[in-house]
Amino acid sequence: MTRLLLLRHSEVASHRGDVPITDDGVRIATEAGARLGAREAGPIRIVSGETRRARETAAAIAAGARGCGAAVVEDGVAFALRNPDLYLAGVRVDMVSSAERFAVQVPGFDEADVRKVRFFDDWLTVPDRVGWWVAHQDPPGDTAAAVATRIRAFAGSFADRPDRAGLVVAVTHSPVLRACALALTGTDPGEPAWVSGLQAQVHDDRSVTMELLPEAP
């Protein structure tokens, strides 16, 4: 059986663009990796989403685990760990926090064009954007249920590996974790702490059992 940790990236100063994690973020992720490395007897496989914050968190976790003598396999980017897919004028756009950052993703668009689209105008207005998306029944792209289904299929696929590591660490984003938590418990728990999230047990038949982690591993 494979154990999969689905973790939020570490601390960032803002979500305005593809930003790095902070110095404290590096420390938080390194310490989490050290704790994992100190208690895991077998190899640790580490994957992440494609954003800079996810990749840097994965690298810091790997460094911390190696520093405690763990065997670490860094497997790069896993497409399934991306943020939810949203579409604006036929373009897949990242979840960002300003009309300007949406507009630069769509050729020929400006901030006023973004604001004309009800979903994105509302997204930029509500205080808890991710929570609003989680509860939204008809976003222009992935629903929370669709993301949870994606992650469950991703987790189950680790049963296919002939070299299955005992532990897989997957660094992702808060919308992904909140969608999975909603599917698991029926309640959106709100923003997870840095480098915390869910744990999944992946069985030989590809079935997956998930539970919330109360804190960073």
N, C-alpha and C. Protein backbone atom coordinates (compact mmCIF):
# COMPACT_ATOMS: atom_id res chain seq x y z
N MET A 1 0.85 -1.20 0.00
CA MET A 1 0.00 0.00 0.00
C MET A 1 0.88 1.25 0.00
N THR A 2 0.54 2.20 -0.82
CA THR A 2 1.25 3.48 -0.90
C THR A 2 0.52 4.52 -0.07
N ARG A 3 1.29 5.32 0.66
CA ARG A 3 0.73 6.45 1.40
C ARG A 3 1.06 7.72 0.63
N LEU A 4 0.05 8.52 0.36
CA LEU A 4 0.21 9.76 -0.41
C LEU A 4 -0.17 10.94 0.46
N LEU A 5 0.75 11.90 0.59
CA LEU A 5 0.46 13.16 1.26
C LEU A 5 0.20 14.22 0.21
N LEU A 6 -0.98 14.80 0.25
CA LEU A 6 -1.34 15.91 -0.62
C LEU A 6 -1.21 17.18 0.20
N LEU A 7 -0.20 18.00 -0.11
CA LEU A 7 0.14 19.13 0.73
C LEU A 7 0.04 20.45 -0.03
N ARG A 8 -0.39 21.48 0.68
CA ARG A 8 -0.35 22.82 0.12
C ARG A 8 1.10 23.29 0.02
N HIS A 9 1.35 24.14 -0.96
CA HIS A 9 2.67 24.77 -1.05
C HIS A 9 2.96 25.59 0.20
N SER A 10 4.20 25.98 0.39
CA SER A 10 4.58 26.75 1.56
C SER A 10 4.26 28.23 1.40
N GLU A 11 4.65 29.01 2.37
CA GLU A 11 4.23 30.41 2.47
C GLU A 11 4.67 31.26 1.28
N VAL A 12 3.75 32.09 0.80
CA VAL A 12 4.05 33.09 -0.22
C VAL A 12 3.61 34.45 0.31
N ALA A 13 4.22 35.51 -0.22
CA ALA A 13 3.86 36.85 0.22
C ALA A 13 2.54 37.32 -0.38
N SER A 14 2.20 36.78 -1.57
CA SER A 14 0.94 37.11 -2.23
C SER A 14 0.69 36.05 -3.28
N HIS A 15 -0.47 36.14 -3.94
CA HIS A 15 -0.77 35.23 -5.06
C HIS A 15 -0.85 36.02 -6.37
N ARG A 16 -0.12 37.09 -6.45
CA ARG A 16 -0.14 37.92 -7.66
C ARG A 16 0.93 37.42 -8.64
N GLY A 17 0.54 36.43 -9.42
CA GLY A 17 1.46 35.87 -10.40
C GLY A 17 2.15 34.62 -9.88
N ASP A 18 3.14 34.16 -10.65
CA ASP A 18 3.86 32.93 -10.31
C ASP A 18 5.00 33.27 -9.37
N VAL A 19 4.68 33.44 -8.10
CA VAL A 19 5.62 34.00 -7.14
C VAL A 19 6.40 32.89 -6.42
N PRO A 20 7.58 33.22 -5.88
CA PRO A 20 8.34 32.25 -5.10
C PRO A 20 7.81 32.14 -3.68
N ILE A 21 8.22 31.11 -2.96
CA ILE A 21 7.91 31.04 -1.54
C ILE A 21 8.88 31.96 -0.79
N THR A 22 8.48 32.38 0.39
CA THR A 22 9.28 33.28 1.20
C THR A 22 10.42 32.51 1.88
N ASP A 23 11.31 33.25 2.54
CA ASP A 23 12.36 32.60 3.33
C ASP A 23 11.75 31.74 4.43
N ASP A 24 10.71 32.25 5.09
CA ASP A 24 10.01 31.44 6.08
C ASP A 24 9.35 30.22 5.42
N GLY A 25 8.88 30.42 4.19
CA GLY A 25 8.30 29.30 3.46
C GLY A 25 9.30 28.19 3.21
N VAL A 26 10.52 28.55 2.87
CA VAL A 26 11.58 27.55 2.69
C VAL A 26 11.82 26.82 4.00
N ARG A 27 11.89 27.57 5.09
CA ARG A 27 12.13 26.95 6.40
C ARG A 27 11.01 25.99 6.77
N ILE A 28 9.75 26.42 6.60
CA ILE A 28 8.60 25.58 6.94
C ILE A 28 8.64 24.26 6.15
N ALA A 29 8.90 24.36 4.85
CA ALA A 29 8.91 23.16 4.01
C ALA A 29 10.11 22.27 4.33
N THR A 30 11.26 22.87 4.61
CA THR A 30 12.45 22.09 4.95
C THR A 30 12.24 21.33 6.25
N GLU A 31 11.63 22.00 7.23
CA GLU A 31 11.37 21.34 8.51
C GLU A 31 10.36 20.20 8.35
N ALA A 32 9.34 20.39 7.51
CA ALA A 32 8.40 19.31 7.25
C ALA A 32 9.10 18.12 6.60
N GLY A 33 10.00 18.41 5.63
CA GLY A 33 10.76 17.34 5.00
C GLY A 33 11.66 16.61 5.98
N ALA A 34 12.27 17.36 6.92
CA ALA A 34 13.13 16.75 7.92
C ALA A 34 12.34 15.80 8.82
N ARG A 35 11.13 16.22 9.20
CA ARG A 35 10.30 15.34 10.04
C ARG A 35 9.94 14.06 9.30
N LEU A 36 9.60 14.20 8.03
CA LEU A 36 9.29 13.01 7.23
C LEU A 36 10.51 12.12 7.08
N GLY A 37 11.66 12.73 6.78
CA GLY A 37 12.88 11.95 6.58
C GLY A 37 13.31 11.22 7.83
N ALA A 38 13.04 11.80 9.00
CA ALA A 38 13.47 11.19 10.25
C ALA A 38 12.65 9.96 10.61
N ARG A 39 11.40 9.90 10.13
CA ARG A 39 10.55 8.78 10.55
C ARG A 39 10.23 7.78 9.45
N GLU A 40 10.58 8.08 8.18
CA GLU A 40 10.26 7.16 7.10
C GLU A 40 11.42 6.20 6.86
N ALA A 41 11.13 4.90 6.91
CA ALA A 41 12.18 3.91 6.71
C ALA A 41 12.49 3.70 5.23
N GLY A 42 11.50 3.88 4.38
CA GLY A 42 11.68 3.63 2.96
C GLY A 42 11.89 4.91 2.17
N PRO A 43 11.96 4.79 0.84
CA PRO A 43 12.16 5.96 0.00
C PRO A 43 10.93 6.88 0.00
N ILE A 44 11.18 8.14 -0.28
CA ILE A 44 10.13 9.15 -0.38
C ILE A 44 10.14 9.70 -1.79
N ARG A 45 9.02 9.57 -2.48
CA ARG A 45 8.89 10.12 -3.83
C ARG A 45 8.18 11.47 -3.73
N ILE A 46 8.70 12.49 -4.41
CA ILE A 46 8.15 13.83 -4.30
C ILE A 46 7.79 14.37 -5.68
N VAL A 47 6.54 14.85 -5.81
CA VAL A 47 6.06 15.46 -7.04
C VAL A 47 5.39 16.79 -6.68
N SER A 48 5.16 17.62 -7.67
CA SER A 48 4.52 18.91 -7.39
C SER A 48 3.73 19.39 -8.58
N GLY A 49 2.91 20.41 -8.32
CA GLY A 49 2.31 21.16 -9.41
C GLY A 49 3.37 21.98 -10.12
N GLU A 50 2.97 22.65 -11.20
CA GLU A 50 3.95 23.30 -12.06
C GLU A 50 4.33 24.71 -11.62
N THR A 51 3.60 25.32 -10.69
CA THR A 51 3.91 26.69 -10.30
C THR A 51 5.24 26.75 -9.54
N ARG A 52 5.82 27.94 -9.54
CA ARG A 52 7.09 28.12 -8.84
C ARG A 52 6.95 27.82 -7.35
N ARG A 53 5.87 28.24 -6.74
CA ARG A 53 5.70 28.01 -5.31
C ARG A 53 5.57 26.53 -4.98
N ALA A 54 4.92 25.77 -5.86
CA ALA A 54 4.81 24.33 -5.64
C ALA A 54 6.16 23.64 -5.83
N ARG A 55 6.88 24.01 -6.89
CA ARG A 55 8.18 23.38 -7.16
C ARG A 55 9.21 23.72 -6.09
N GLU A 56 9.21 24.96 -5.63
CA GLU A 56 10.16 25.34 -4.59
C GLU A 56 9.84 24.65 -3.26
N THR A 57 8.56 24.50 -2.97
CA THR A 57 8.18 23.76 -1.76
C THR A 57 8.64 22.32 -1.84
N ALA A 58 8.42 21.69 -2.99
CA ALA A 58 8.85 20.30 -3.16
C ALA A 58 10.36 20.16 -3.00
N ALA A 59 11.12 21.10 -3.56
CA ALA A 59 12.58 21.05 -3.44
C ALA A 59 13.02 21.20 -1.99
N ALA A 60 12.37 22.08 -1.23
CA ALA A 60 12.73 22.27 0.16
C ALA A 60 12.38 21.04 1.00
N ILE A 61 11.23 20.43 0.73
CA ILE A 61 10.87 19.18 1.43
C ILE A 61 11.90 18.11 1.13
N ALA A 62 12.30 18.00 -0.13
CA ALA A 62 13.30 17.00 -0.50
C ALA A 62 14.62 17.25 0.22
N ALA A 63 15.04 18.51 0.30
CA ALA A 63 16.29 18.84 0.97
C ALA A 63 16.23 18.49 2.45
N GLY A 64 15.10 18.80 3.08
CA GLY A 64 14.96 18.48 4.49
C GLY A 64 14.97 16.99 4.76
N ALA A 65 14.31 16.22 3.90
CA ALA A 65 14.29 14.77 4.07
C ALA A 65 15.67 14.16 3.85
N ARG A 66 16.37 14.64 2.83
CA ARG A 66 17.72 14.13 2.57
C ARG A 66 18.66 14.45 3.73
N GLY A 67 18.47 15.63 4.32
CA GLY A 67 19.31 16.02 5.44
C GLY A 67 19.19 15.10 6.63
N CYS A 68 18.09 14.35 6.69
CA CYS A 68 17.89 13.37 7.76
C CYS A 68 18.20 11.95 7.30
N GLY A 69 18.82 11.84 6.14
CA GLY A 69 19.28 10.53 5.66
C GLY A 69 18.28 9.75 4.85
N ALA A 70 17.12 10.34 4.51
CA ALA A 70 16.12 9.61 3.74
C ALA A 70 16.53 9.49 2.27
N ALA A 71 16.11 8.42 1.64
CA ALA A 71 16.27 8.25 0.20
C ALA A 71 15.12 8.97 -0.48
N VAL A 72 15.43 9.95 -1.30
CA VAL A 72 14.40 10.80 -1.91
C VAL A 72 14.47 10.68 -3.42
N VAL A 73 13.32 10.50 -4.05
CA VAL A 73 13.20 10.50 -5.51
C VAL A 73 12.37 11.72 -5.89
N GLU A 74 12.96 12.70 -6.59
CA GLU A 74 12.23 13.87 -7.04
C GLU A 74 11.70 13.60 -8.45
N ASP A 75 10.40 13.51 -8.57
CA ASP A 75 9.76 13.11 -9.83
C ASP A 75 9.22 14.28 -10.64
N GLY A 76 9.56 15.51 -10.26
CA GLY A 76 9.19 16.66 -11.07
C GLY A 76 7.73 17.03 -10.95
N VAL A 77 7.19 17.53 -12.07
CA VAL A 77 5.84 18.09 -12.10
C VAL A 77 4.81 17.04 -12.49
N ALA A 78 3.71 17.01 -11.75
CA ALA A 78 2.57 16.15 -12.08
C ALA A 78 1.41 17.05 -12.52
N PHE A 79 0.94 16.87 -13.74
CA PHE A 79 -0.09 17.74 -14.31
C PHE A 79 -1.36 17.74 -13.48
N ALA A 80 -1.69 16.62 -12.84
CA ALA A 80 -2.92 16.52 -12.06
C ALA A 80 -2.95 17.47 -10.88
N LEU A 81 -1.78 17.94 -10.42
CA LEU A 81 -1.71 18.77 -9.22
C LEU A 81 -1.93 20.25 -9.50
N ARG A 82 -2.26 20.59 -10.73
CA ARG A 82 -2.49 21.99 -11.09
C ARG A 82 -3.73 22.53 -10.40
N ASN A 83 -3.82 23.85 -10.36
CA ASN A 83 -5.04 24.49 -9.88
C ASN A 83 -6.21 24.15 -10.81
N PRO A 84 -7.45 24.39 -10.36
CA PRO A 84 -8.61 24.12 -11.23
C PRO A 84 -8.51 24.84 -12.57
N ASP A 85 -9.01 24.19 -13.60
CA ASP A 85 -9.05 24.79 -14.94
C ASP A 85 -10.25 25.74 -15.02
N LEU A 86 -9.98 27.00 -15.33
CA LEU A 86 -11.02 27.98 -15.62
C LEU A 86 -10.78 28.52 -17.02
N TYR A 87 -11.85 28.87 -17.71
CA TYR A 87 -11.74 29.32 -19.10
C TYR A 87 -12.34 30.70 -19.27
N LEU A 88 -11.58 31.55 -19.94
CA LEU A 88 -12.00 32.92 -20.22
C LEU A 88 -11.74 33.20 -21.70
N ALA A 89 -12.79 33.43 -22.46
CA ALA A 89 -12.67 33.71 -23.89
C ALA A 89 -11.90 32.61 -24.62
N GLY A 90 -12.14 31.37 -24.23
CA GLY A 90 -11.51 30.24 -24.90
C GLY A 90 -10.10 29.93 -24.45
N VAL A 91 -9.63 30.59 -23.39
CA VAL A 91 -8.27 30.40 -22.90
C VAL A 91 -8.33 29.85 -21.48
N ARG A 92 -7.50 28.85 -21.21
CA ARG A 92 -7.39 28.34 -19.85
C ARG A 92 -6.57 29.34 -19.05
N VAL A 93 -7.16 29.87 -17.95
CA VAL A 93 -6.49 30.91 -17.16
C VAL A 93 -6.22 30.40 -15.76
N ASP A 94 -5.13 30.90 -15.18
CA ASP A 94 -4.80 30.59 -13.80
C ASP A 94 -5.68 31.40 -12.86
N MET A 95 -5.91 30.87 -11.67
CA MET A 95 -6.62 31.59 -10.63
C MET A 95 -5.69 32.67 -10.07
N VAL A 96 -5.95 33.90 -10.41
CA VAL A 96 -5.13 35.02 -9.95
C VAL A 96 -6.02 36.04 -9.24
N SER A 97 -5.39 37.09 -8.69
CA SER A 97 -6.14 37.95 -7.78
C SER A 97 -6.39 39.36 -8.30
N SER A 98 -6.20 39.59 -9.60
CA SER A 98 -6.49 40.91 -10.14
C SER A 98 -6.96 40.79 -11.58
N ALA A 99 -7.76 41.77 -12.02
CA ALA A 99 -8.21 41.79 -13.41
C ALA A 99 -7.02 41.90 -14.36
N GLU A 100 -6.00 42.63 -13.95
CA GLU A 100 -4.81 42.78 -14.78
C GLU A 100 -4.15 41.44 -15.04
N ARG A 101 -4.03 40.59 -13.98
CA ARG A 101 -3.36 39.30 -14.14
C ARG A 101 -4.21 38.33 -14.97
N PHE A 102 -5.53 38.47 -14.92
CA PHE A 102 -6.35 37.68 -15.84
C PHE A 102 -6.17 38.17 -17.27
N ALA A 103 -6.19 39.49 -17.47
CA ALA A 103 -6.15 40.05 -18.82
C ALA A 103 -4.89 39.67 -19.57
N VAL A 104 -3.75 39.62 -18.88
CA VAL A 104 -2.50 39.31 -19.58
C VAL A 104 -2.45 37.87 -20.07
N GLN A 105 -3.35 37.04 -19.56
CA GLN A 105 -3.38 35.64 -20.00
C GLN A 105 -4.20 35.45 -21.27
N VAL A 106 -4.99 36.46 -21.66
CA VAL A 106 -5.90 36.32 -22.81
C VAL A 106 -5.53 37.34 -23.87
N PRO A 107 -5.06 36.89 -25.02
CA PRO A 107 -4.66 37.83 -26.08
C PRO A 107 -5.79 38.81 -26.42
N GLY A 108 -5.45 40.09 -26.46
CA GLY A 108 -6.41 41.12 -26.85
C GLY A 108 -7.33 41.58 -25.75
N PHE A 109 -7.22 41.00 -24.54
CA PHE A 109 -8.10 41.38 -23.44
C PHE A 109 -7.46 42.47 -22.59
N ASP A 110 -8.33 43.33 -22.01
CA ASP A 110 -7.87 44.27 -21.00
C ASP A 110 -8.70 44.06 -19.74
N GLU A 111 -8.43 44.84 -18.71
CA GLU A 111 -9.10 44.65 -17.44
C GLU A 111 -10.61 44.85 -17.55
N ALA A 112 -11.03 45.79 -18.36
CA ALA A 112 -12.47 46.02 -18.53
C ALA A 112 -13.15 44.81 -19.15
N ASP A 113 -12.47 44.15 -20.10
CA ASP A 113 -13.03 42.94 -20.72
C ASP A 113 -13.23 41.84 -19.67
N VAL A 114 -12.26 41.69 -18.78
CA VAL A 114 -12.38 40.70 -17.71
C VAL A 114 -13.58 41.01 -16.84
N ARG A 115 -13.75 42.25 -16.47
CA ARG A 115 -14.82 42.66 -15.57
C ARG A 115 -16.21 42.50 -16.18
N LYS A 116 -16.29 42.41 -17.49
CA LYS A 116 -17.58 42.21 -18.15
C LYS A 116 -18.10 40.78 -17.97
N VAL A 117 -17.22 39.86 -17.60
CA VAL A 117 -17.62 38.46 -17.44
C VAL A 117 -18.01 38.25 -15.98
N ARG A 118 -19.27 37.89 -15.74
CA ARG A 118 -19.83 37.88 -14.38
C ARG A 118 -19.00 37.03 -13.42
N PHE A 119 -18.62 35.83 -13.82
CA PHE A 119 -17.89 34.96 -12.91
C PHE A 119 -16.60 35.62 -12.44
N PHE A 120 -15.84 36.18 -13.36
CA PHE A 120 -14.54 36.74 -13.00
C PHE A 120 -14.69 38.06 -12.25
N ASP A 121 -15.71 38.83 -12.56
CA ASP A 121 -15.97 40.05 -11.80
C ASP A 121 -16.33 39.70 -10.36
N ASP A 122 -17.16 38.68 -10.18
CA ASP A 122 -17.51 38.24 -8.83
C ASP A 122 -16.28 37.69 -8.11
N TRP A 123 -15.49 36.88 -8.81
CA TRP A 123 -14.27 36.30 -8.23
C TRP A 123 -13.39 37.39 -7.63
N LEU A 124 -13.27 38.50 -8.32
CA LEU A 124 -12.39 39.57 -7.88
C LEU A 124 -13.00 40.41 -6.75
N THR A 125 -14.26 40.16 -6.45
CA THR A 125 -14.97 40.96 -5.46
C THR A 125 -15.12 40.25 -4.12
N VAL A 126 -15.32 38.95 -4.13
CA VAL A 126 -15.62 38.22 -2.89
C VAL A 126 -14.37 38.12 -2.01
N PRO A 127 -14.54 38.11 -0.68
CA PRO A 127 -13.38 38.07 0.21
C PRO A 127 -12.66 36.72 0.21
N ASP A 128 -13.40 35.62 0.10
CA ASP A 128 -12.79 34.28 0.06
C ASP A 128 -13.02 33.71 -1.34
N ARG A 129 -12.13 34.01 -2.25
CA ARG A 129 -12.32 33.60 -3.64
C ARG A 129 -12.38 32.09 -3.79
N VAL A 130 -11.46 31.40 -3.13
CA VAL A 130 -11.43 29.95 -3.27
C VAL A 130 -12.70 29.32 -2.70
N GLY A 131 -13.13 29.81 -1.54
CA GLY A 131 -14.36 29.28 -0.96
C GLY A 131 -15.57 29.53 -1.85
N TRP A 132 -15.58 30.67 -2.50
CA TRP A 132 -16.67 31.00 -3.42
C TRP A 132 -16.65 30.04 -4.61
N TRP A 133 -15.44 29.74 -5.14
CA TRP A 133 -15.36 28.77 -6.24
C TRP A 133 -15.78 27.39 -5.77
N VAL A 134 -15.33 26.96 -4.60
CA VAL A 134 -15.68 25.64 -4.09
C VAL A 134 -17.20 25.45 -4.06
N ALA A 135 -17.93 26.48 -3.67
CA ALA A 135 -19.38 26.38 -3.55
C ALA A 135 -20.11 26.63 -4.86
N HIS A 136 -19.42 27.12 -5.87
CA HIS A 136 -20.07 27.51 -7.12
C HIS A 136 -20.51 26.26 -7.90
N GLN A 137 -21.75 26.27 -8.35
CA GLN A 137 -22.31 25.11 -9.04
C GLN A 137 -21.99 25.08 -10.53
N ASP A 138 -21.66 26.22 -11.11
CA ASP A 138 -21.47 26.26 -12.56
C ASP A 138 -20.35 27.23 -12.95
N PRO A 139 -19.13 27.01 -12.48
CA PRO A 139 -18.02 27.88 -12.90
C PRO A 139 -17.68 27.62 -14.36
N PRO A 140 -16.97 28.55 -15.02
CA PRO A 140 -16.57 28.33 -16.41
C PRO A 140 -15.33 27.44 -16.48
N GLY A 141 -15.50 26.20 -16.06
CA GLY A 141 -14.40 25.25 -16.01
C GLY A 141 -14.68 24.21 -14.95
N ASP A 142 -13.63 23.82 -14.22
CA ASP A 142 -13.76 22.76 -13.23
C ASP A 142 -14.64 23.16 -12.06
N THR A 143 -15.51 22.25 -11.65
CA THR A 143 -16.18 22.35 -10.36
C THR A 143 -15.29 21.72 -9.30
N ALA A 144 -15.61 21.97 -8.03
CA ALA A 144 -14.87 21.33 -6.95
C ALA A 144 -14.97 19.80 -7.05
N ALA A 145 -16.15 19.31 -7.42
CA ALA A 145 -16.33 17.86 -7.54
C ALA A 145 -15.44 17.28 -8.64
N ALA A 146 -15.28 18.01 -9.74
CA ALA A 146 -14.43 17.53 -10.83
C ALA A 146 -12.97 17.47 -10.40
N VAL A 147 -12.53 18.45 -9.64
CA VAL A 147 -11.14 18.45 -9.15
C VAL A 147 -10.92 17.29 -8.19
N ALA A 148 -11.87 17.06 -7.29
CA ALA A 148 -11.75 15.94 -6.35
C ALA A 148 -11.68 14.61 -7.08
N THR A 149 -12.47 14.46 -8.13
CA THR A 149 -12.43 13.23 -8.93
C THR A 149 -11.08 13.08 -9.62
N ARG A 150 -10.54 14.18 -10.15
CA ARG A 150 -9.22 14.14 -10.78
C ARG A 150 -8.14 13.67 -9.81
N ILE A 151 -8.15 14.23 -8.60
CA ILE A 151 -7.13 13.89 -7.61
C ILE A 151 -7.26 12.46 -7.13
N ARG A 152 -8.48 11.99 -6.98
CA ARG A 152 -8.66 10.59 -6.56
C ARG A 152 -8.13 9.64 -7.64
N ALA A 153 -8.36 9.95 -8.90
CA ALA A 153 -7.82 9.11 -9.98
C ALA A 153 -6.30 9.18 -10.01
N PHE A 154 -5.74 10.37 -9.82
CA PHE A 154 -4.29 10.55 -9.76
C PHE A 154 -3.71 9.71 -8.63
N ALA A 155 -4.32 9.80 -7.44
CA ALA A 155 -3.82 9.03 -6.31
C ALA A 155 -3.88 7.53 -6.59
N GLY A 156 -5.00 7.06 -7.12
CA GLY A 156 -5.15 5.64 -7.39
C GLY A 156 -4.14 5.09 -8.38
N SER A 157 -3.66 5.95 -9.26
CA SER A 157 -2.72 5.49 -10.29
C SER A 157 -1.37 5.08 -9.72
N PHE A 158 -1.05 5.48 -8.50
CA PHE A 158 0.22 5.05 -7.91
C PHE A 158 0.24 3.56 -7.63
N ALA A 159 -0.91 2.91 -7.62
CA ALA A 159 -0.95 1.46 -7.48
C ALA A 159 -0.36 0.76 -8.70
N ASP A 160 -0.23 1.47 -9.82
CA ASP A 160 0.29 0.87 -11.05
C ASP A 160 1.81 0.74 -11.05
N ARG A 161 2.51 1.44 -10.16
CA ARG A 161 3.96 1.50 -10.21
C ARG A 161 4.58 0.20 -9.71
N PRO A 162 5.50 -0.39 -10.48
CA PRO A 162 6.20 -1.58 -9.97
C PRO A 162 7.20 -1.24 -8.87
N ASP A 163 7.65 0.04 -8.83
CA ASP A 163 8.64 0.48 -7.83
C ASP A 163 7.98 1.37 -6.80
N ARG A 164 6.82 0.99 -6.35
CA ARG A 164 6.01 1.85 -5.49
C ARG A 164 6.76 2.23 -4.22
N ALA A 165 6.95 3.52 -4.03
CA ALA A 165 7.53 4.02 -2.78
C ALA A 165 6.49 3.89 -1.68
N GLY A 166 6.95 3.74 -0.45
CA GLY A 166 6.02 3.69 0.65
C GLY A 166 5.31 5.01 0.86
N LEU A 167 6.01 6.12 0.58
CA LEU A 167 5.44 7.45 0.78
C LEU A 167 5.64 8.29 -0.47
N VAL A 168 4.56 8.93 -0.91
CA VAL A 168 4.61 9.91 -1.99
C VAL A 168 4.14 11.24 -1.42
N VAL A 169 4.92 12.30 -1.65
CA VAL A 169 4.54 13.64 -1.25
C VAL A 169 4.18 14.42 -2.50
N ALA A 170 2.97 14.97 -2.55
CA ALA A 170 2.48 15.70 -3.72
C ALA A 170 2.12 17.12 -3.29
N VAL A 171 2.85 18.11 -3.83
CA VAL A 171 2.65 19.50 -3.44
C VAL A 171 1.70 20.17 -4.42
N THR A 172 0.62 20.74 -3.90
CA THR A 172 -0.41 21.31 -4.75
C THR A 172 -0.88 22.65 -4.16
N HIS A 173 -2.14 22.99 -4.36
CA HIS A 173 -2.67 24.31 -4.03
C HIS A 173 -3.94 24.20 -3.20
N SER A 174 -4.29 25.29 -2.51
CA SER A 174 -5.44 25.25 -1.61
C SER A 174 -6.76 24.92 -2.31
N PRO A 175 -7.05 25.41 -3.54
CA PRO A 175 -8.32 25.02 -4.15
C PRO A 175 -8.45 23.51 -4.33
N VAL A 176 -7.35 22.87 -4.68
CA VAL A 176 -7.36 21.41 -4.87
C VAL A 176 -7.66 20.72 -3.55
N LEU A 177 -7.00 21.15 -2.48
CA LEU A 177 -7.18 20.52 -1.18
C LEU A 177 -8.57 20.78 -0.62
N ARG A 178 -9.07 21.99 -0.81
CA ARG A 178 -10.41 22.30 -0.31
C ARG A 178 -11.48 21.53 -1.07
N ALA A 179 -11.27 21.32 -2.36
CA ALA A 179 -12.21 20.51 -3.15
C ALA A 179 -12.22 19.06 -2.65
N CYS A 180 -11.04 18.52 -2.38
CA CYS A 180 -10.95 17.15 -1.88
C CYS A 180 -11.57 17.03 -0.48
N ALA A 181 -11.33 18.02 0.36
CA ALA A 181 -11.89 17.99 1.71
C ALA A 181 -13.42 18.06 1.66
N LEU A 182 -13.96 18.88 0.76
CA LEU A 182 -15.41 18.96 0.61
C LEU A 182 -15.99 17.62 0.19
N ALA A 183 -15.33 16.95 -0.77
CA ALA A 183 -15.80 15.64 -1.21
C ALA A 183 -15.72 14.61 -0.09
N LEU A 184 -14.73 14.75 0.76
CA LEU A 184 -14.50 13.79 1.84
C LEU A 184 -15.45 13.98 3.01
N THR A 185 -15.65 15.24 3.41
CA THR A 185 -16.39 15.52 4.64
C THR A 185 -17.73 16.20 4.44
N GLY A 186 -17.97 16.72 3.23
CA GLY A 186 -19.18 17.48 2.98
C GLY A 186 -19.10 18.93 3.41
N THR A 187 -17.92 19.35 3.89
CA THR A 187 -17.73 20.71 4.40
C THR A 187 -16.43 21.28 3.86
N ASP A 188 -16.46 22.54 3.45
CA ASP A 188 -15.23 23.22 3.06
C ASP A 188 -14.53 23.69 4.33
N PRO A 189 -13.32 23.20 4.62
CA PRO A 189 -12.65 23.56 5.87
C PRO A 189 -11.98 24.92 5.85
N GLY A 190 -11.99 25.61 4.73
CA GLY A 190 -11.28 26.87 4.61
C GLY A 190 -9.83 26.66 4.21
N GLU A 191 -9.06 27.74 4.24
CA GLU A 191 -7.68 27.67 3.76
C GLU A 191 -6.83 26.75 4.65
N PRO A 192 -6.16 25.77 4.06
CA PRO A 192 -5.27 24.92 4.85
C PRO A 192 -4.00 25.69 5.22
N ALA A 193 -3.36 25.26 6.30
CA ALA A 193 -2.08 25.85 6.68
C ALA A 193 -1.02 25.50 5.63
N TRP A 194 0.05 26.28 5.62
CA TRP A 194 1.15 25.97 4.71
C TRP A 194 1.66 24.55 4.96
N VAL A 195 1.91 23.83 3.89
CA VAL A 195 2.46 22.47 3.92
C VAL A 195 1.61 21.54 4.80
N SER A 196 0.31 21.68 4.69
CA SER A 196 -0.61 20.73 5.32
C SER A 196 -1.64 20.33 4.29
N GLY A 197 -2.51 19.38 4.62
CA GLY A 197 -3.51 18.97 3.65
C GLY A 197 -4.19 17.66 3.99
N LEU A 198 -4.01 16.67 3.12
CA LEU A 198 -4.68 15.40 3.28
C LEU A 198 -3.70 14.24 3.13
N GLN A 199 -4.09 13.11 3.69
CA GLN A 199 -3.34 11.87 3.52
C GLN A 199 -4.24 10.84 2.85
N ALA A 200 -3.68 10.13 1.88
CA ALA A 200 -4.44 9.08 1.18
C ALA A 200 -3.70 7.76 1.27
N GLN A 201 -4.44 6.70 1.52
CA GLN A 201 -3.90 5.35 1.42
C GLN A 201 -4.35 4.79 0.07
N VAL A 202 -3.37 4.36 -0.72
CA VAL A 202 -3.66 3.85 -2.06
C VAL A 202 -3.51 2.32 -2.03
N HIS A 203 -4.60 1.63 -2.30
CA HIS A 203 -4.62 0.18 -2.20
C HIS A 203 -4.29 -0.47 -3.54
N ASP A 204 -4.00 -1.76 -3.50
CA ASP A 204 -3.57 -2.47 -4.72
C ASP A 204 -4.61 -2.43 -5.82
N ASP A 205 -5.88 -2.34 -5.46
CA ASP A 205 -6.95 -2.32 -6.47
C ASP A 205 -7.25 -0.90 -6.98
N ARG A 206 -6.35 0.07 -6.66
CA ARG A 206 -6.49 1.47 -7.06
C ARG A 206 -7.52 2.23 -6.23
N SER A 207 -8.14 1.60 -5.27
CA SER A 207 -9.05 2.34 -4.40
C SER A 207 -8.23 3.23 -3.47
N VAL A 208 -8.86 4.32 -3.02
CA VAL A 208 -8.16 5.34 -2.25
C VAL A 208 -8.98 5.69 -1.01
N THR A 209 -8.32 5.70 0.13
CA THR A 209 -8.93 6.12 1.38
C THR A 209 -8.25 7.41 1.83
N MET A 210 -9.02 8.48 2.04
CA MET A 210 -8.44 9.77 2.39
C MET A 210 -8.85 10.19 3.79
N GLU A 211 -7.99 11.02 4.40
CA GLU A 211 -8.31 11.66 5.66
C GLU A 211 -7.61 13.01 5.71
N LEU A 212 -8.16 13.93 6.49
CA LEU A 212 -7.55 15.24 6.67
C LEU A 212 -6.36 15.13 7.62
N LEU A 213 -5.31 15.88 7.32
CA LEU A 213 -4.20 16.01 8.26
C LEU A 213 -4.49 17.20 9.18
N PRO A 214 -4.38 17.02 10.49
CA PRO A 214 -4.67 18.14 11.40
C PRO A 214 -3.63 19.26 11.33
N GLU A 215 -2.40 18.93 10.87
CA GLU A 215 -1.32 19.91 10.79
C GLU A 215 -0.30 19.44 9.79
N ALA A 216 0.76 20.22 9.61
CA ALA A 216 1.82 19.82 8.68
C ALA A 216 2.43 18.51 9.15
N PRO A 217 2.86 17.64 8.23
CA PRO A 217 3.40 16.33 8.62
C PRO A 217 4.73 16.47 9.39
